[in-house]
C-alpha atoms as a PDB file:
ATOM      1  CA  MET A   1      97.494 100.252  88.879  1.00  0.00           C
ATOM      2  CA  LYS A   2      97.322 102.853  86.335  1.00  0.00           C
ATOM      3  CA  TYR A   3     100.522 104.447  87.481  1.00  0.00           C
ATOM      4  CA  LEU A   4     102.717 101.472  88.264  1.00  0.00           C
ATOM      5  CA  LEU A   5     101.693  99.642  85.357  1.00  0.00           C
ATOM      6  CA  PRO A   6     102.906 101.526  82.046  1.00  0.00           C
ATOM      7  CA  LEU A   7     106.545 102.279  84.671  1.00  0.00           C
ATOM      8  CA  LEU A   8     106.840  98.061  85.155  1.00  0.00           C
ATOM      9  CA  LEU A   9     106.717  97.986  81.651  1.00  0.00           C
ATOM     10  CA  PHE A  10     109.794  99.983  81.084  1.00  0.00           C
ATOM     11  CA  ILE A  11     111.820  97.619  83.682  1.00  0.00           C
ATOM     12  CA  PRO A  12     114.235  95.116  81.873  1.00  0.00           C
ATOM     13  CA  GLY A  13     113.436  91.363  82.863  1.00  0.00           C
ATOM     14  CA  VAL A  14     109.136  92.746  83.293  1.00  0.00           C
ATOM     15  CA  ALA A  15     106.917  91.020  80.917  1.00  0.00           C
ATOM     16  CA  GLN A  16     103.269  91.546  81.001  1.00  0.00           C
ATOM     17  CA  ALA A  17     101.106  88.667  81.582  1.00  0.00           C
ATOM     18  CA  GLN A  18      97.228  88.860  81.395  1.00  0.00           C
ATOM     19  CA  GLN A  19      96.774  92.609  81.339  1.00  0.00           C
ATOM     20  CA  THR A  20      98.833  92.133  84.670  1.00  0.00           C
ATOM     21  CA  ALA A  21     102.814  93.909  85.747  1.00  0.00           C
ATOM     22  CA  CYS A  22     104.783  90.614  86.534  1.00  0.00           C
ATOM     23  CA  GLY A  23     108.604  90.477  86.583  1.00  0.00           C
ATOM     24  CA  THR A  24     111.098  88.605  88.848  1.00  0.00           C
ATOM     25  CA  ALA A  25     109.875  88.800  92.432  1.00  0.00           C
ATOM     26  CA  GLN A  26     113.713  90.507  93.306  1.00  0.00           C
ATOM     27  CA  LYS A  27     113.304  93.079  90.894  1.00  0.00           C
ATOM     28  CA  VAL A  28     109.520  94.551  91.479  1.00  0.00           C
ATOM     29  CA  HIS A  29     110.600  94.182  95.300  1.00  0.00           C
ATOM     30  CA  ASP A  30     114.211  96.730  94.370  1.00  0.00           C
ATOM     31  CA  PHE A  31     111.694  99.216  92.060  1.00  0.00           C
ATOM     32  CA  LEU A  32     109.038  99.507  94.566  1.00  0.00           C
ATOM     33  CA  VAL A  33     111.331 100.009  97.586  1.00  0.00           C
ATOM     34  CA  ASN A  34     113.533 102.477  95.292  1.00  0.00           C
ATOM     35  CA  ASP A  35     111.170 103.900  92.487  1.00  0.00           C
ATOM     36  CA  TYR A  36     108.685 104.782  95.547  1.00  0.00           C
ATOM     37  CA  GLY A  37     109.991 104.388  98.526  1.00  0.00           C
ATOM     38  CA  GLU A  38     107.410 101.185  99.444  1.00  0.00           C
ATOM     39  CA  LYS A  39     108.671  98.764 102.076  1.00  0.00           C
ATOM     40  CA  PRO A  40     106.981  95.437 102.594  1.00  0.00           C
ATOM     41  CA  PHE A  41     104.133  96.000 104.668  1.00  0.00           C
ATOM     42  CA  ALA A  42     102.137  92.913 105.069  1.00  0.00           C
ATOM     43  CA  GLU A  43     102.370  89.443 103.982  1.00  0.00           C
ATOM     44  CA  MET A  44      99.323  87.492 103.005  1.00  0.00           C
ATOM     45  CA  LYS A  45      97.778  83.782 101.908  1.00  0.00           C
ATOM     46  CA  ASP A  46      94.377  83.165 100.794  1.00  0.00           C
ATOM     47  CA  GLU A  47      92.096  80.160 101.079  1.00  0.00           C
ATOM     48  CA  LYS A  48      93.643  78.158  97.727  1.00  0.00           C
ATOM     49  CA  ASP A  49      97.505  78.936  99.402  1.00  0.00           C
ATOM     50  CA  ARG A  50      98.338  82.357  96.237  1.00  0.00           C
ATOM     51  CA  GLN A  51     100.972  84.798  98.916  1.00  0.00           C
ATOM     52  CA  PHE A  52     100.538  88.087  98.494  1.00  0.00           C
ATOM     53  CA  LEU A  53     102.750  90.739  99.720  1.00  0.00           C
ATOM     54  CA  MET A  54     101.739  94.689 100.727  1.00  0.00           C
ATOM     55  CA  TYR A  55     104.118  97.086  99.988  1.00  0.00           C
ATOM     56  CA  VAL A  56     103.335 101.000 101.665  1.00  0.00           C
ATOM     57  CA  ASN A  57     105.322 104.510 101.993  1.00  0.00           C
ATOM     58  CA  PRO A  58     104.008 105.697 104.941  1.00  0.00           C
ATOM     59  CA  ASP A  59     105.409 109.434 103.677  1.00  0.00           C
ATOM     60  CA  THR A  60     103.932 109.763 100.266  1.00  0.00           C
ATOM     61  CA  GLY A  61     100.983 107.075 101.305  1.00  0.00           C
ATOM     62  CA  THR A  62     101.727 105.196  97.904  1.00  0.00           C
ATOM     63  CA  TRP A  63     100.467 101.473  98.604  1.00  0.00           C
ATOM     64  CA  THR A  64     101.003  98.246  95.874  1.00  0.00           C
ATOM     65  CA  VAL A  65      99.699  95.005  96.338  1.00  0.00           C
ATOM     66  CA  THR A  66     101.968  91.822  94.294  1.00  0.00           C
ATOM     67  CA  GLN A  67     101.058  88.603  94.286  1.00  0.00           C
ATOM     68  CA  ILE A  68     103.828  85.902  94.574  1.00  0.00           C
ATOM     69  CA  ALA A  69     103.467  83.049  91.889  1.00  0.00           C
ATOM     70  CA  ASP A  70     105.053  79.834  91.139  1.00  0.00           C
ATOM     71  CA  GLY A  71     109.281  80.213  89.925  1.00  0.00           C
ATOM     72  CA  GLY A  72     109.416  83.296  91.835  1.00  0.00           C
ATOM     73  CA  LEU A  73     107.305  85.690  89.634  1.00  0.00           C
ATOM     74  CA  MET A  74     105.637  88.367  91.074  1.00  0.00           C
ATOM     75  CA  CYS A  75     103.081  90.395  89.666  1.00  0.00           C
ATOM     76  CA  GLY A  76     101.549  94.158  90.758  1.00  0.00           C
ATOM     77  CA  ILE A  77      97.790  93.485  91.010  1.00  0.00           C
ATOM     78  CA  SER A  78      96.977  96.655  92.609  1.00  0.00           C
ATOM     79  CA  SER A  79      98.261 100.066  92.815  1.00  0.00           C
ATOM     80  CA  GLY A  80      97.421 103.339  94.756  1.00  0.00           C
ATOM     81  CA  LYS A  81      97.869 106.405  97.013  1.00  0.00           C
ATOM     82  CA  ASN A  82      96.002 108.118 100.110  1.00  0.00           C
ATOM     83  CA  PHE A  83      97.491 104.807 102.469  1.00  0.00           C
ATOM     84  CA  ILE A  84      96.129 105.203 105.421  1.00  0.00           C
ATOM     85  CA  PRO A  85      96.333 103.220 108.527  1.00  0.00           C
ATOM     86  CA  ALA A  86      93.001 101.587 109.700  1.00  0.00           C
ATOM     87  CA  THR A  87      93.498 102.434 113.085  1.00  0.00           C
ATOM     88  CA  LYS A  88      94.041 105.870 112.099  1.00  0.00           C
ATOM     89  CA  ARG A  89      90.784 106.360 110.477  1.00  0.00           C
ATOM     90  CA  PHE A  90      88.482 104.411 112.404  1.00  0.00           C
ATOM     91  CA  GLU A  91      89.668 105.645 115.919  1.00  0.00           C
ATOM     92  CA  THR A  92      87.549 108.686 115.123  1.00  0.00           C
ATOM     93  CA  THR A  93      84.704 106.789 113.136  1.00  0.00           C
ATOM     94  CA  ILE A  94      84.018 103.840 115.068  1.00  0.00           C
ATOM     95  CA  PRO A  95      81.791 104.365 118.184  1.00  0.00           C
ATOM     96  CA  LYS A  96      83.358 103.311 121.183  1.00  0.00           C
ATOM     97  CA  LYS A  97      81.731 100.595 122.975  1.00  0.00           C
ATOM     98  CA  PRO A  98      79.995 101.622 126.221  1.00  0.00           C
ATOM     99  CA  GLU A  99      81.014 101.465 129.584  1.00  0.00           C
ATOM    100  CA  ILE A 100      78.399  99.222 131.997  1.00  0.00           C
ATOM    101  CA  PRO A 101      78.424  99.798 135.480  1.00  0.00           C
ATOM    102  CA  GLY A 102      79.663  96.849 137.288  1.00  0.00           C
END
């Protein structure tokens, strides 16, 4: 998130809350889509019913995980580069199940 935090702080209407880059969901979404070319990739909810949204740019490998809070606030909680879909990475590293002769 080291590259995301400084950039989000310069977006009008974006606030910093508890060392996390936050803004309205629309502003953060537009920033990730327009400036990083990231698109929504996955929506998740945890056991406390908190909502998370992952953005990914498959061409550059950048990714961002955001948390959507009450009141329409969205905060970037983690980001990075070198995104690789799990299926591609594990196709070669997980041994295939041996076939049992029938």
